[in-house]
Protein backbone atom coordinates (compact mmCIF):
# COMPACT_ATOMS: atom_id res chain seq x y z
CA MET A 1 46.33 5.30 14.91
CA ALA A 2 45.58 4.07 11.74
CA PHE A 3 45.41 0.63 12.78
CA LYS A 4 42.52 1.94 15.40
CA ARG A 5 40.93 4.20 12.73
CA ARG A 6 40.63 0.47 11.01
CA ILE A 7 39.20 -1.32 13.58
CA GLU A 8 36.45 1.50 14.23
CA LYS A 9 35.64 1.63 10.39
CA LEU A 10 35.46 -2.33 10.56
CA LEU A 11 33.20 -1.60 13.48
CA ILE A 12 30.64 0.51 11.82
CA PHE A 13 30.56 -1.58 8.57
CA CYS A 14 29.85 -4.75 10.37
CA PHE A 15 26.77 -2.97 12.16
CA ILE A 16 25.92 -1.46 8.77
CA VAL A 17 25.60 -4.92 7.58
CA ALA A 18 23.91 -5.67 10.75
CA VAL A 19 21.31 -3.40 10.73
CA PHE A 20 20.17 -3.26 6.64
CA LEU A 21 21.27 -7.18 5.90
CA PRO A 22 18.06 -8.48 7.06
CA LEU A 23 15.86 -6.13 5.03
CA LEU A 24 18.14 -6.60 1.37
CA LEU A 25 17.26 -9.90 2.09
CA SER A 26 13.78 -10.25 3.06
CA ASN A 27 11.04 -10.88 1.23
CA LYS A 28 10.17 -7.11 -0.57
CA VAL A 29 6.64 -8.30 -1.29
CA GLY A 30 5.29 -10.38 2.17
CA GLY A 31 1.55 -11.76 2.33
CA GLN A 32 3.26 -15.96 2.87
CA VAL A 33 1.51 -17.64 4.41
CA SER A 34 4.02 -19.22 7.13
CA SER A 35 3.65 -22.65 7.70
CA VAL A 36 5.45 -22.59 10.87
CA GLU A 37 3.76 -20.13 12.79
CA LYS A 38 -0.38 -20.81 10.65
CA ARG A 39 -0.49 -17.17 9.72
CA THR A 40 -0.19 -15.07 6.81
CA LEU A 41 2.45 -12.69 6.94
CA ALA A 42 2.33 -8.44 6.52
CA LYS A 43 2.74 -7.66 2.51
CA PHE A 44 4.75 -4.33 2.17
CA PRO A 45 2.61 -0.92 2.91
CA SER A 46 1.39 0.52 -0.33
CA PHE A 47 1.76 4.39 -0.53
CA PHE A 48 -0.97 4.23 -3.18
CA ASN A 49 -5.02 5.10 -3.01
CA GLN A 50 -6.74 3.48 -5.14
CA ASP A 51 -7.41 6.70 -6.93
CA GLY A 52 -3.42 6.60 -7.42
CA SER A 53 -2.70 9.91 -5.35
CA VAL A 54 -0.21 9.59 -2.62
CA THR A 55 -0.90 8.20 0.98
CA LEU A 56 0.59 8.35 4.01
CA SER A 57 -1.73 6.52 6.24
CA GLY A 58 -1.19 3.49 8.28
CA THR A 59 2.66 3.61 6.49
CA ARG A 60 4.31 4.04 9.53
CA SER A 61 2.63 0.32 11.22
CA GLY A 62 2.61 -1.05 8.00
CA LEU A 63 6.35 -0.64 7.54
CA GLU A 64 6.99 -1.75 10.80
CA ASN A 65 4.76 -4.95 10.53
CA TRP A 66 6.40 -5.41 7.51
CA ILE A 67 9.55 -5.34 9.16
CA ASN A 68 8.87 -7.94 11.89
CA ASP A 69 6.74 -9.91 10.36
CA ASN A 70 9.27 -10.28 6.90
CA ALA A 71 12.86 -9.27 7.94
CA ALA A 72 15.64 -11.97 7.15
CA PHE A 73 16.86 -14.33 10.02
CA ARG A 74 13.54 -13.18 12.23
CA LEU A 75 12.56 -16.97 12.04
CA PRO A 76 16.26 -18.40 13.54
CA MET A 77 16.88 -15.96 16.00
CA GLN A 78 12.75 -16.14 17.39
CA LYS A 79 14.08 -19.90 17.25
CA LEU A 80 17.09 -19.40 19.71
CA ASN A 81 15.67 -16.56 21.93
CA ALA A 82 12.96 -19.16 22.28
CA ASP A 83 15.50 -22.00 23.09
CA LEU A 84 17.72 -19.85 25.56
CA THR A 85 13.87 -18.47 27.71
CA PHE A 86 12.27 -22.27 28.02
CA ASN A 87 15.82 -24.14 28.55
CA LEU A 88 18.07 -21.84 30.16
CA PHE A 89 15.44 -19.59 32.27
CA HIS A 90 12.96 -22.47 32.37
CA SER A 91 10.19 -20.17 31.79
CA SER A 92 7.94 -19.32 28.32
CA PRO A 93 8.81 -17.49 25.26
CA SER A 94 5.57 -16.53 24.68
CA SER A 95 2.64 -14.69 27.01
CA LYS A 96 0.32 -17.01 25.20
CA VAL A 97 1.58 -20.05 27.16
CA LYS A 98 1.88 -20.63 30.09
CA ILE A 99 4.05 -23.87 31.89
CA GLY A 100 2.43 -25.45 34.10
CA LYS A 101 2.76 -29.00 36.76
CA ASN A 102 4.05 -32.13 35.56
CA GLY A 103 4.34 -31.63 31.71
CA TRP A 104 1.11 -29.68 30.89
CA TYR A 105 0.92 -26.58 29.17
CA TYR A 106 -1.77 -23.29 29.45
CA TYR A 107 -3.29 -21.48 26.82
CA THR A 108 -3.56 -17.88 28.53
CA GLY A 109 -5.61 -16.35 25.74
CA ASP A 110 -9.47 -15.75 25.75
CA ASN A 111 -9.82 -15.30 29.35
CA ASN A 112 -8.41 -19.15 30.12
CA LEU A 113 -7.13 -18.82 33.19
CA GLU A 114 -10.22 -16.16 34.01
CA ILE A 115 -12.20 -19.72 33.07
CA ALA A 116 -10.14 -21.85 35.58
CA SER A 117 -10.44 -19.20 38.94
CA GLY A 118 -13.65 -18.74 37.99
CA THR A 119 -13.52 -15.11 37.63
CA TYR A 120 -14.34 -15.15 33.97
CA PRO A 121 -16.34 -12.10 33.00
CA MET A 122 -20.16 -13.10 32.61
CA THR A 123 -23.23 -10.37 33.05
CA GLN A 124 -26.40 -11.52 33.67
CA ASP A 125 -27.19 -8.69 30.74
CA THR A 126 -24.94 -11.31 28.66
CA LEU A 127 -26.74 -14.76 30.28
CA GLU A 128 -30.13 -13.33 28.62
CA LYS A 129 -28.96 -12.24 25.12
CA ILE A 130 -27.34 -16.02 24.57
CA LYS A 131 -30.80 -17.53 25.53
CA GLU A 132 -32.19 -14.80 22.71
CA ALA A 133 -30.31 -15.74 20.33
CA GLN A 134 -29.87 -19.61 20.85
CA VAL A 135 -33.87 -19.31 21.48
CA ALA A 136 -34.84 -17.48 18.02
CA ILE A 137 -32.60 -20.21 16.38
CA GLN A 138 -34.12 -22.92 17.40
CA GLN A 139 -37.25 -20.98 16.64
CA VAL A 140 -36.62 -20.32 12.98
CA LEU A 141 -35.40 -24.40 12.58
CA LYS A 142 -37.95 -25.99 14.58
CA LYS A 143 -39.95 -24.01 11.79
CA LYS A 144 -38.31 -25.81 9.34
CA GLY A 145 -39.15 -29.52 11.21
CA ILE A 146 -35.58 -29.27 12.76
CA THR A 147 -33.78 -30.07 15.88
CA TYR A 148 -31.68 -27.74 17.64
CA VAL A 149 -28.90 -29.34 19.95
CA LEU A 150 -26.73 -26.82 21.51
CA VAL A 151 -23.58 -28.48 22.51
CA LEU A 152 -20.85 -26.76 24.96
CA THR A 153 -17.31 -28.09 25.04
CA PRO A 154 -14.94 -27.38 27.53
CA SER A 155 -11.37 -25.56 27.78
CA LYS A 156 -8.61 -27.67 29.40
CA VAL A 157 -7.99 -25.11 31.92
CA SER A 158 -11.66 -26.50 33.36
CA VAL A 159 -11.18 -30.63 33.08
CA TYR A 160 -7.47 -29.90 34.16
CA PRO A 161 -6.77 -26.80 36.39
CA GLU A 162 -4.79 -28.61 39.57
CA ASN A 163 -2.37 -28.63 36.84
CA LEU A 164 -1.93 -24.54 36.61
CA VAL A 165 1.09 -23.17 38.83
CA GLY A 166 -0.73 -21.21 41.57
CA ASP A 167 -4.22 -21.78 43.80
CA PHE A 168 -6.42 -23.71 40.89
CA GLN A 169 -9.01 -26.76 40.86
CA VAL A 170 -12.28 -28.10 39.84
CA ARG A 171 -15.05 -26.02 40.17
CA GLN A 172 -18.18 -24.40 38.49
CA THR A 173 -17.17 -21.97 35.86
CA VAL A 174 -18.64 -20.60 32.64
CA ILE A 175 -19.53 -23.45 30.66
CA ASP A 176 -22.13 -24.67 33.72
CA GLU A 177 -23.13 -21.06 34.46
CA VAL A 178 -24.26 -20.62 30.91
CA ALA A 179 -25.92 -24.32 30.78
CA ASP A 180 -27.67 -24.06 33.76
CA TYR A 181 -29.48 -20.65 32.23
CA LEU A 182 -30.35 -22.04 29.18
CA THR A 183 -31.73 -25.00 30.54
CA LYS A 184 -33.20 -23.63 33.58
CA ASN A 185 -34.73 -20.50 30.88
CA THR A 186 -35.34 -22.44 27.89
CA THR A 187 -36.54 -25.89 25.86
CA ILE A 188 -33.02 -25.98 23.92
CA PRO A 189 -31.49 -29.52 24.91
CA VAL A 190 -27.89 -28.20 26.16
CA ILE A 191 -25.03 -30.74 26.27
CA ASN A 192 -22.03 -29.91 28.90
CA LEU A 193 -19.25 -31.77 28.16
CA LYS A 194 -17.46 -31.04 31.27
CA ASN A 195 -18.95 -33.88 33.52
CA ASP A 196 -18.42 -36.14 31.35
CA LEU A 197 -14.36 -35.40 30.60
CA LEU A 198 -14.00 -34.78 34.65
CA LYS A 199 -15.30 -38.42 34.63
CA ALA A 200 -13.41 -40.11 32.30
CA LYS A 201 -9.90 -38.13 33.39
CA GLN A 202 -10.07 -40.40 36.16
CA LYS A 203 -9.07 -42.96 34.39
CA GLN A 204 -7.04 -41.94 31.04
CA THR A 205 -5.63 -38.83 29.85
CA VAL A 206 -8.63 -36.63 27.85
CA TYR A 207 -7.09 -33.40 27.00
CA PHE A 208 -3.17 -32.94 24.77
CA LYS A 209 -0.66 -31.61 27.28
CA THR A 210 0.83 -29.60 25.13
CA ASP A 211 -2.49 -28.17 22.98
CA THR A 212 -5.60 -26.32 23.30
CA HIS A 213 -7.69 -29.51 21.97
CA TRP A 214 -8.49 -33.02 23.18
CA ASN A 215 -6.98 -36.04 22.56
CA GLN A 216 -8.71 -38.42 20.68
CA VAL A 217 -10.21 -40.35 23.82
CA GLY A 218 -11.65 -37.36 25.13
CA ALA A 219 -13.25 -36.40 21.34
CA TYR A 220 -14.69 -40.31 21.91
CA VAL A 221 -15.93 -39.30 25.84
CA GLY A 222 -17.76 -36.17 24.27
CA TYR A 223 -19.14 -38.23 20.89
CA SER A 224 -20.39 -40.40 22.75
CA ALA A 225 -22.14 -38.65 25.54
CA ILE A 226 -23.85 -36.46 22.54
CA ILE A 227 -25.04 -39.55 21.39
CA ASN A 228 -26.23 -41.16 24.64
CA ARG A 229 -27.96 -37.87 24.77
CA LEU A 230 -30.13 -37.64 22.09
CA ASN A 231 -30.60 -41.22 22.45
CA ASP A 232 -32.46 -39.72 26.04
CA LEU A 233 -34.49 -36.73 24.32
CA GLY A 234 -35.51 -39.43 22.06
CA ILE A 235 -34.04 -37.56 18.86
CA ILE A 236 -31.85 -41.46 17.37
CA ASP A 237 -32.20 -44.93 18.33
CA SER A 238 -28.32 -45.52 17.41
CA LYS A 239 -25.92 -46.17 19.96
CA PRO A 240 -21.85 -44.30 19.97
CA THR A 241 -20.07 -47.02 17.58
CA ASP A 242 -17.50 -48.84 18.92
CA ILE A 243 -13.69 -47.90 18.43
CA THR A 244 -10.36 -50.05 19.27
CA THR A 245 -6.87 -47.63 20.35
CA TYR A 246 -3.31 -47.70 19.61
CA PRO A 247 -0.16 -45.92 20.49
CA SER A 248 0.41 -43.01 18.43
CA THR A 249 2.57 -39.38 18.76
CA HIS A 250 1.12 -35.72 18.43
CA LYS A 251 2.45 -32.62 18.05
CA GLY A 252 1.21 -29.92 19.95
CA GLU A 253 0.62 -26.23 18.79
CA PHE A 254 2.67 -24.76 21.92
CA SER A 255 6.06 -25.09 20.81
CA VAL A 256 5.10 -23.13 17.31
CA MET A 257 3.75 -20.69 20.44
CA MET A 258 6.30 -19.87 21.76
CA GLY A 259 8.72 -19.65 19.47
CA ASP A 260 10.63 -23.07 18.04
CA ALA A 261 8.38 -26.07 16.67
CA ASP A 262 10.93 -28.26 17.93
CA LEU A 263 10.88 -26.71 21.31
CA LEU A 264 8.93 -29.76 23.03
CA PRO A 265 8.76 -33.52 22.08
CA ALA A 266 5.96 -34.71 20.30
CA GLU A 267 3.70 -36.11 22.57
CA PRO A 268 2.56 -39.66 23.18
CA PHE A 269 -1.46 -40.34 23.20
CA GLN A 270 -4.02 -43.36 22.39
CA ALA A 271 -5.15 -42.89 18.88
CA THR A 272 -8.38 -44.22 18.19
CA LYS A 273 -10.06 -46.01 14.89
CA ILE A 274 -13.68 -47.04 14.21
CA ILE A 275 -14.20 -50.69 14.27
CA SER A 276 -16.29 -51.66 10.93
CA PRO A 277 -17.11 -47.74 9.91
CA LYS A 278 -20.41 -47.95 7.67
CA ALA A 279 -19.91 -44.28 6.41
CA GLU A 280 -17.88 -43.12 3.26
CA ARG A 281 -16.67 -39.27 3.05
CA LEU A 282 -17.97 -37.28 0.10
CA GLU A 283 -15.76 -34.73 -2.29
CA SER A 284 -17.69 -34.21 -4.96
CA GLY A 285 -20.92 -34.02 -5.87
CA ASP A 286 -23.84 -31.57 -6.32
CA LEU A 287 -24.52 -31.46 -2.84
CA TYR A 288 -20.59 -31.07 -2.19
CA ASN A 289 -19.79 -28.59 -5.16
CA GLU A 290 -23.28 -26.69 -3.65
CA ILE A 291 -21.54 -25.93 0.71
CA ASP A 292 -18.50 -25.46 -1.23
CA SER A 293 -19.95 -22.58 -3.13
CA LEU A 294 -21.69 -21.24 -0.30
CA ASP A 295 -18.97 -21.78 2.12
CA GLN A 296 -16.64 -18.98 -0.03
CA THR A 297 -20.00 -17.08 -0.86
CA ASN A 298 -20.49 -17.02 3.19
CA TYR A 299 -16.71 -15.86 3.66
CA VAL A 300 -16.23 -19.17 5.10
CA TYR A 301 -12.91 -20.61 4.02
CA LYS A 302 -12.26 -23.57 7.10
CA PRO A 303 -12.76 -26.94 6.10
CA PHE A 304 -15.99 -28.64 5.50
CA TYR A 305 -16.77 -32.58 5.26
CA LEU A 306 -19.77 -34.58 4.40
CA TYR A 307 -20.65 -38.02 5.06
CA HIS A 308 -23.04 -40.81 3.69
CA ASN A 309 -24.27 -44.11 5.52
CA PRO A 310 -25.90 -46.13 3.85
CA SER A 311 -26.89 -48.17 6.50
CA VAL A 312 -29.15 -46.04 8.32
CA GLN A 313 -32.19 -44.38 6.78
CA ASN A 314 -33.24 -40.57 6.45
CA LYS A 315 -31.13 -39.08 9.73
CA LYS A 316 -29.75 -35.95 8.64
CA LEU A 317 -27.35 -34.16 11.05
CA LEU A 318 -25.40 -30.82 10.50
CA ILE A 319 -22.90 -29.96 12.84
CA TYR A 320 -21.80 -26.04 13.15
CA GLY A 321 -18.58 -26.37 15.68
CA ASP A 322 -15.01 -24.98 15.78
CA SER A 323 -11.62 -26.89 15.79
CA PHE A 324 -12.64 -29.57 18.50
CA PHE A 325 -14.93 -31.30 16.66
CA GLU A 326 -12.61 -30.32 13.11
CA LYS A 327 -9.87 -32.63 13.76
CA TRP A 328 -9.93 -36.22 16.38
CA ASN A 329 -12.21 -38.26 14.62
CA VAL A 330 -14.97 -36.41 15.28
CA ASP A 331 -16.77 -36.25 12.22
CA GLN A 332 -16.45 -39.94 11.11
CA LEU A 333 -17.77 -40.42 14.66
CA PHE A 334 -20.70 -38.81 14.12
CA ALA A 335 -20.91 -40.41 10.61
CA GLN A 336 -21.54 -43.40 11.77
CA ASN A 337 -24.77 -42.55 13.18
CA PHE A 338 -26.50 -40.09 10.77
CA SER A 339 -27.41 -40.85 6.81
CA ASP A 340 -25.82 -38.26 6.19
CA LEU A 341 -23.58 -35.66 8.01
CA THR A 342 -22.73 -32.08 7.44
CA TYR A 343 -19.75 -30.70 9.33
CA ILE A 344 -18.63 -26.84 8.94
CA TRP A 345 -16.09 -24.73 10.72
CA SER A 346 -18.24 -21.92 11.58
CA TYR A 347 -20.56 -20.44 14.45
CA CYS A 348 -22.49 -19.08 11.55
CA ILE A 349 -25.57 -20.99 11.27
CA ARG A 350 -26.77 -19.83 7.42
CA ASN A 351 -30.14 -20.04 5.97
CA ASN A 352 -28.82 -21.33 2.44
CA VAL A 353 -26.59 -23.53 3.96
CA VAL A 354 -29.81 -25.73 6.06
CA ASN A 355 -32.02 -25.43 3.02
CA ALA A 356 -28.64 -26.98 0.80
CA VAL A 357 -28.35 -29.84 3.09
CA LYS A 358 -32.01 -30.20 4.40
CA PRO A 359 -31.47 -31.73 7.80
CA ASN A 360 -33.83 -33.52 10.13
CA ILE A 361 -30.87 -32.47 13.69
CA VAL A 362 -28.74 -29.26 13.68
CA ILE A 363 -25.94 -29.38 16.47
CA LEU A 364 -24.08 -26.08 16.94
CA GLU A 365 -20.55 -26.67 19.22
CA GLN A 366 -19.36 -24.01 21.23
CA THR A 367 -16.06 -23.96 23.16
CA GLU A 368 -16.26 -22.49 26.55
CA ARG A 369 -13.33 -19.70 26.02
CA TYR A 370 -15.53 -18.29 23.39
CA ILE A 371 -18.94 -18.93 24.63
CA THR A 372 -19.98 -15.29 24.37
CA ASN A 373 -20.23 -16.02 21.28
CA LEU A 374 -23.41 -17.17 21.65
CA ALA A 375 -24.80 -14.37 22.07
CA ASN A 376 -24.38 -12.68 18.52
CA ASP A 377 -27.39 -11.62 16.44
CA PRO A 378 -27.73 -14.79 14.34
CA ASP A 379 -27.38 -14.68 10.82
CA PRO A 380 -30.54 -12.84 9.38
CA TYR A 381 -30.93 -14.38 6.64
CA LEU A 382 -31.65 -17.62 9.20
CA LEU A 383 -34.62 -15.51 11.09
CA ASN A 384 -35.91 -14.16 8.23
CA GLU A 385 -39.72 -15.42 7.10
CA PRO A 386 -39.37 -16.19 3.65
CA LEU A 387 -42.25 -14.50 1.49
CA GLN A 388 -44.89 -17.00 0.30
CA ASN A 389 -45.64 -15.84 -3.13
CA PRO A 390 -43.84 -12.56 -4.13
CA GLN A 391 -44.29 -11.35 -7.65
CA ALA A 392 -43.01 -7.94 -8.91
CA GLN A 393 -42.79 -5.47 -12.35
CA ILE A 394 -40.53 -3.40 -13.83
CA VAL A 395 -42.46 -0.37 -14.73
CA SER A 396 -40.00 1.25 -15.99
CA THR A 397 -36.37 2.51 -15.76
CA THR A 398 -33.77 5.15 -16.89
CA THR A 399 -30.97 2.84 -18.15
CA PRO A 400 -28.76 4.62 -20.53
CA THR A 401 -28.50 2.02 -23.65
CA GLN A 402 -25.37 4.27 -24.34
CA ILE A 403 -23.05 5.55 -22.13
CA GLU A 404 -19.71 7.59 -23.02
CA ARG A 405 -16.18 6.04 -21.09
CA GLY A 406 -15.20 7.80 -17.99
CA LYS A 407 -18.92 9.58 -17.31
CA MET A 408 -21.10 8.23 -14.29
CA TYR A 409 -24.61 7.87 -14.11
CA ASP A 410 -27.36 7.57 -11.84
CA ILE A 411 -29.73 5.39 -12.23
CA ASP A 412 -33.57 4.99 -11.29
CA ILE A 413 -36.12 1.73 -11.84
CA THR A 414 -39.60 1.71 -10.71
CA VAL A 415 -40.57 -1.71 -9.50
CA LYS A 416 -44.22 -2.38 -8.48
CA ASN A 417 -45.83 -4.85 -5.75
CA ILE A 418 -48.20 -7.16 -7.91
CA GLY A 419 -47.92 -9.39 -4.83
CA THR A 420 -50.19 -10.25 -1.82
CA GLU A 421 -47.46 -9.13 0.67
CA SER A 422 -45.81 -6.02 1.46
CA TRP A 423 -42.01 -5.18 1.14
CA SER A 424 -39.29 -3.96 3.45
CA GLU A 425 -35.43 -4.20 4.65
CA LYS A 426 -36.92 -5.48 7.47
CA GLN A 427 -37.69 -8.43 5.52
CA MET A 428 -34.26 -8.06 2.92
CA ILE A 429 -36.09 -7.15 -0.37
CA ARG A 430 -34.08 -5.45 -2.01
CA LEU A 431 -33.61 -4.36 -6.21
CA CYS A 432 -30.83 -7.14 -7.61
CA ILE A 433 -28.80 -6.07 -10.30
CA PHE A 434 -27.70 -8.58 -12.62
CA GLN A 435 -24.14 -6.96 -15.11
CA ASP A 436 -23.57 -9.48 -17.78
CA GLY A 437 -25.78 -12.76 -16.68
CA LYS A 438 -23.91 -12.45 -13.25
CA ASP A 439 -25.15 -11.81 -9.43
CA TRP A 440 -22.10 -9.84 -8.40
CA GLY A 441 -23.62 -8.86 -5.60
CA TYR A 442 -24.93 -5.26 -6.89
CA ARG A 443 -28.44 -4.67 -4.51
CA VAL A 444 -30.11 -0.76 -3.72
CA LYS A 445 -32.02 -1.37 -0.81
CA LEU A 446 -35.52 0.35 0.33
CA PRO A 447 -34.84 2.46 3.26
CA ASP A 448 -35.29 1.71 6.89
CA GLY A 449 -39.01 2.63 7.38
CA VAL A 450 -40.49 2.41 3.92
CA GLU A 451 -42.98 -0.26 3.30
CA VAL A 452 -44.05 -1.37 0.30
CA LYS A 453 -47.21 -2.49 0.02
CA PRO A 454 -49.33 -4.85 -2.45
CA GLY A 455 -50.21 -2.03 -4.97
CA GLU A 456 -47.94 0.00 -4.84
CA GLN A 457 -44.33 1.64 -6.52
CA TYR A 458 -41.37 2.84 -5.40
CA THR A 459 -38.75 3.75 -7.36
CA PHE A 460 -34.58 2.65 -6.62
CA THR A 461 -31.88 4.10 -7.73
CA LEU A 462 -28.27 3.08 -9.07
CA HIS A 463 -25.89 5.00 -8.35
CA ASP A 464 -22.72 6.28 -10.39
CA PHE A 465 -23.03 3.55 -12.64
CA ARG A 466 -20.23 3.72 -15.33
CA ASP A 467 -18.38 1.69 -18.16
CA PRO A 468 -17.01 -1.48 -18.03
CA PRO A 469 -13.71 -2.31 -19.38
CA ASN A 470 -15.47 -4.03 -22.82
CA ASN A 471 -17.70 -1.72 -25.49
CA THR A 472 -20.58 -3.42 -24.23
CA THR A 473 -22.48 -4.48 -21.36
CA TYR A 474 -25.90 -5.77 -20.00
CA LEU A 475 -27.78 -4.81 -16.81
CA GLU A 476 -30.74 -6.97 -15.62
CA TYR A 477 -33.37 -5.90 -12.70
CA GLN A 478 -35.01 -8.45 -10.43
CA MET A 479 -36.16 -8.46 -6.77
CA ALA A 480 -34.87 -10.41 -4.26
CA GLN A 481 -35.79 -11.52 -0.41
CA GLU A 482 -31.86 -11.66 0.48
CA GLY A 483 -30.73 -14.90 0.74
CA ILE A 484 -33.90 -16.82 0.34
CA GLN A 485 -35.49 -15.67 -3.78
CA TYR A 486 -34.99 -13.86 -6.64
CA PHE A 487 -38.70 -12.95 -7.15
CA GLY A 488 -40.59 -10.77 -9.88
CA GLN A 489 -39.86 -9.72 -13.59
CA LYS A 490 -36.48 -9.68 -14.77
CA GLN A 491 -36.00 -7.07 -17.14
CA ARG A 492 -32.28 -6.40 -19.82
CA VAL A 493 -31.17 -3.35 -21.36
CA ASP A 494 -27.70 -3.43 -23.33
CA ILE A 495 -25.90 -0.61 -23.20
CA THR A 496 -23.07 -0.12 -25.78
CA VAL A 497 -19.42 2.08 -24.48
CA LYS A 498 -18.91 5.47 -26.78
């Protein structure tokens, strides 16, 4: 009996260790970036609001996410599960990855299987919204003397559907539907790369088997098709740059998606190399620093690339796109045909970036599985027409020159429109408040429907201004057309804290 009780106690002890040891050895803070999963792991939840009060809102889900992401031995167990599921049961360890035929793998997210089957949820209303949004971008850029070109990149399932398990074949997919609709109903140059890639795949592989993306040969096919079409349209006068190929290998992203970075072997493919490249990549200088600053202001933290090519005269290209254009030598290829190339990983064309780059051509590249993004409203700053000669006068302000620590103040600032154009929130005309010489983004907006005509004045109210950490500060007031320009008188008030 004593022996039996000792065995029971040992089993209980082992159970407790098995339950709590992963927590004891876990990352107690969390929030680290997983190099394997390519994402930020969940942080340990906070039990306090900003004012110091206790909160239990979201605590349970926060704890679950933290445990799931940071418990010790998580990755080894995840790897073991992936290996057993894949090698023993011959199935995918992840619902995000579908195992196809002949060594091909497919991403199942973002409606990819619906794209392959021709059942992607595209409606007439969405098509119309896409048209309206894209025409709005085209018209604004046209007023700036810029040609707008839309490039559509097909999902792998549109080019290689025959390797999916089931009755899949090359068919008309959503990329064709959108391209046809825009071509018939707008004057936007729309370049659908699908047929070029389908033709090229008869002679060579143009997509990775173990990745969602095209390979470098496929990227060159896409680049060449775009350059040839731009020549046909009379936008440029240059040929695709010459390349050579050489054997290489690529570690596809599906291994990581399935839980083990070593689950699938590196895939052989033909890499490309430009013969006699003329363009130089820039990683410093005024424009580089300005784009870097604007990207952070616009909350875009993914890569951007700048190139200069002295062999080409006055042909500046600005590309907005995604991961299909971010790698695979795409930026270097386009840089050979333009005097200056700026690539930004984003779908939102920003007015301040356009003004900084001053391109002749803007290309927006959109991958098929995200094609409904084209219906999103364009950057409002891009669509906003700048006032021609705005002028403003600070009439009065109730800014206190002394404030008490811990007390909040409402401040009225009366501004007169002494220009010749009306102000409204529709034009994004706002009062900008600088503190200690810096624009921190503090704005007071005009109410919807309010229009301040020339000669009229309006009183803006800054609510709940309170003491800064230091004993002194100063505020400055100036009108701004958001994302475009500051204008008019700038008035400063110095403040001390009691």
